[in-house]
Amino acid sequence: MKPTLELIAFGTVQGVGFRWATKQIADQLGLNGSVTNLADGSVKILAQGDHHKLDQLVQQIKTAPTSAAEVTDVSLRFIKHDEFKGFSVN
């Protein structure tokens, strides 16, 4: 089973193209998973892949993947999850 990182991004992350930019980054890194808006205004990212690629994703998310987004905080934890096929925007 591949490592699965759950990343919650807080700040100005909804309505600014954040999910689609996250998908583009994940695709470029070869990660599988999903990205979803949450009711509290944050965005949840589940990403599977090797640790080096997951670290790269975290760094790019922390610096905001779009110019309109502003990430003020992130929450990170590894979870158990079935394997994803591809990366989806929900």
Protein backbone atom coordinates (compact mmCIF):
# COMPACT_ATOMS: atom_id res chain seq x y z
CA MET A 1 0.00 0.00 0.00
CA LYS A 2 1.33 3.42 -0.98
CA PRO A 3 1.59 6.16 1.65
CA THR A 4 -1.49 8.40 1.68
CA LEU A 5 -1.13 11.96 2.91
CA GLU A 6 -4.16 13.94 4.07
CA LEU A 7 -3.47 17.64 3.71
CA ILE A 8 -5.99 20.28 4.76
CA ALA A 9 -5.24 23.75 3.38
CA PHE A 10 -6.67 26.81 5.15
CA GLY A 11 -6.92 30.39 3.96
CA THR A 12 -8.23 31.76 0.68
CA VAL A 13 -8.44 28.38 -1.04
CA GLN A 14 -11.99 28.19 -2.43
CA GLY A 15 -13.23 29.99 -5.53
CA VAL A 16 -9.70 30.76 -6.73
CA GLY A 17 -8.85 27.74 -8.92
CA PHE A 18 -7.05 26.01 -6.05
CA ARG A 19 -8.45 22.50 -6.66
CA TRP A 20 -7.68 22.51 -10.38
CA ALA A 21 -4.16 23.86 -9.79
CA THR A 22 -3.66 21.14 -7.16
CA LYS A 23 -4.72 18.50 -9.68
CA GLN A 24 -2.25 19.87 -12.21
CA ILE A 25 0.58 19.71 -9.66
CA ALA A 26 -0.40 16.19 -8.59
CA ASP A 27 -0.52 15.04 -12.22
CA GLN A 28 2.92 16.53 -12.89
CA LEU A 29 4.32 14.73 -9.84
CA GLY A 30 2.63 11.44 -10.75
CA LEU A 31 0.52 11.36 -7.58
CA ASN A 32 -2.90 9.75 -7.24
CA GLY A 33 -5.69 10.98 -4.99
CA SER A 34 -8.37 13.64 -4.76
CA VAL A 35 -9.01 17.25 -3.80
CA THR A 36 -12.27 18.45 -2.23
CA ASN A 37 -13.72 21.71 -0.89
CA LEU A 38 -14.85 21.42 2.74
CA ALA A 39 -17.82 23.19 4.32
CA ASP A 40 -15.59 25.30 6.60
CA GLY A 41 -13.86 26.97 3.61
CA SER A 42 -10.76 24.77 3.66
CA VAL A 43 -9.66 22.24 1.04
CA LYS A 44 -8.82 18.58 1.70
CA ILE A 45 -6.20 16.86 -0.43
CA LEU A 46 -5.61 13.12 -0.30
CA ALA A 47 -2.44 12.20 -2.16
CA GLN A 48 -0.70 8.86 -2.69
CA GLY A 49 2.84 8.36 -3.91
CA ASP A 50 6.41 8.19 -2.72
CA HIS A 51 7.46 10.43 0.16
CA HIS A 52 9.72 12.64 -1.98
CA LYS A 53 6.85 13.50 -4.35
CA LEU A 54 4.47 14.07 -1.43
CA ASP A 55 7.00 16.48 0.10
CA GLN A 56 7.12 18.38 -3.20
CA LEU A 57 3.33 18.62 -3.24
CA VAL A 58 3.27 19.99 0.31
CA GLN A 59 5.84 22.66 -0.53
CA GLN A 60 3.90 23.79 -3.61
CA ILE A 61 0.60 23.87 -1.69
CA LYS A 62 2.13 25.91 1.15
CA THR A 63 3.18 28.59 -1.34
CA ALA A 64 -0.32 28.58 -2.95
CA PRO A 65 -0.70 27.00 -6.39
CA THR A 66 -2.55 30.03 -7.85
CA SER A 67 -1.88 33.74 -7.57
CA ALA A 68 -5.38 34.37 -6.16
CA ALA A 69 -4.99 31.79 -3.38
CA GLU A 70 -3.44 32.44 0.01
CA VAL A 71 -2.59 29.47 2.20
CA THR A 72 -2.40 30.52 5.85
CA ASP A 73 -1.99 27.07 7.41
CA VAL A 74 -1.87 23.38 6.55
CA SER A 75 -2.66 20.28 8.54
CA LEU A 76 -0.78 17.10 7.59
CA ARG A 77 -1.19 13.47 8.58
CA PHE A 78 -0.70 10.08 7.02
CA ILE A 79 -3.78 7.89 6.83
CA LYS A 80 -4.71 4.41 5.62
CA HIS A 81 -6.68 4.53 2.39
CA ASP A 82 -7.43 2.22 -0.51
CA GLU A 83 -5.38 2.88 -3.63
CA PHE A 84 -6.53 5.70 -5.86
CA LYS A 85 -6.46 5.51 -9.62
CA GLY A 86 -5.55 8.92 -10.99
CA PHE A 87 -6.23 12.25 -9.30
CA SER A 88 -9.78 13.62 -9.12
CA VAL A 89 -11.34 16.99 -8.33
CA ASN A 90 -14.48 16.66 -6.22
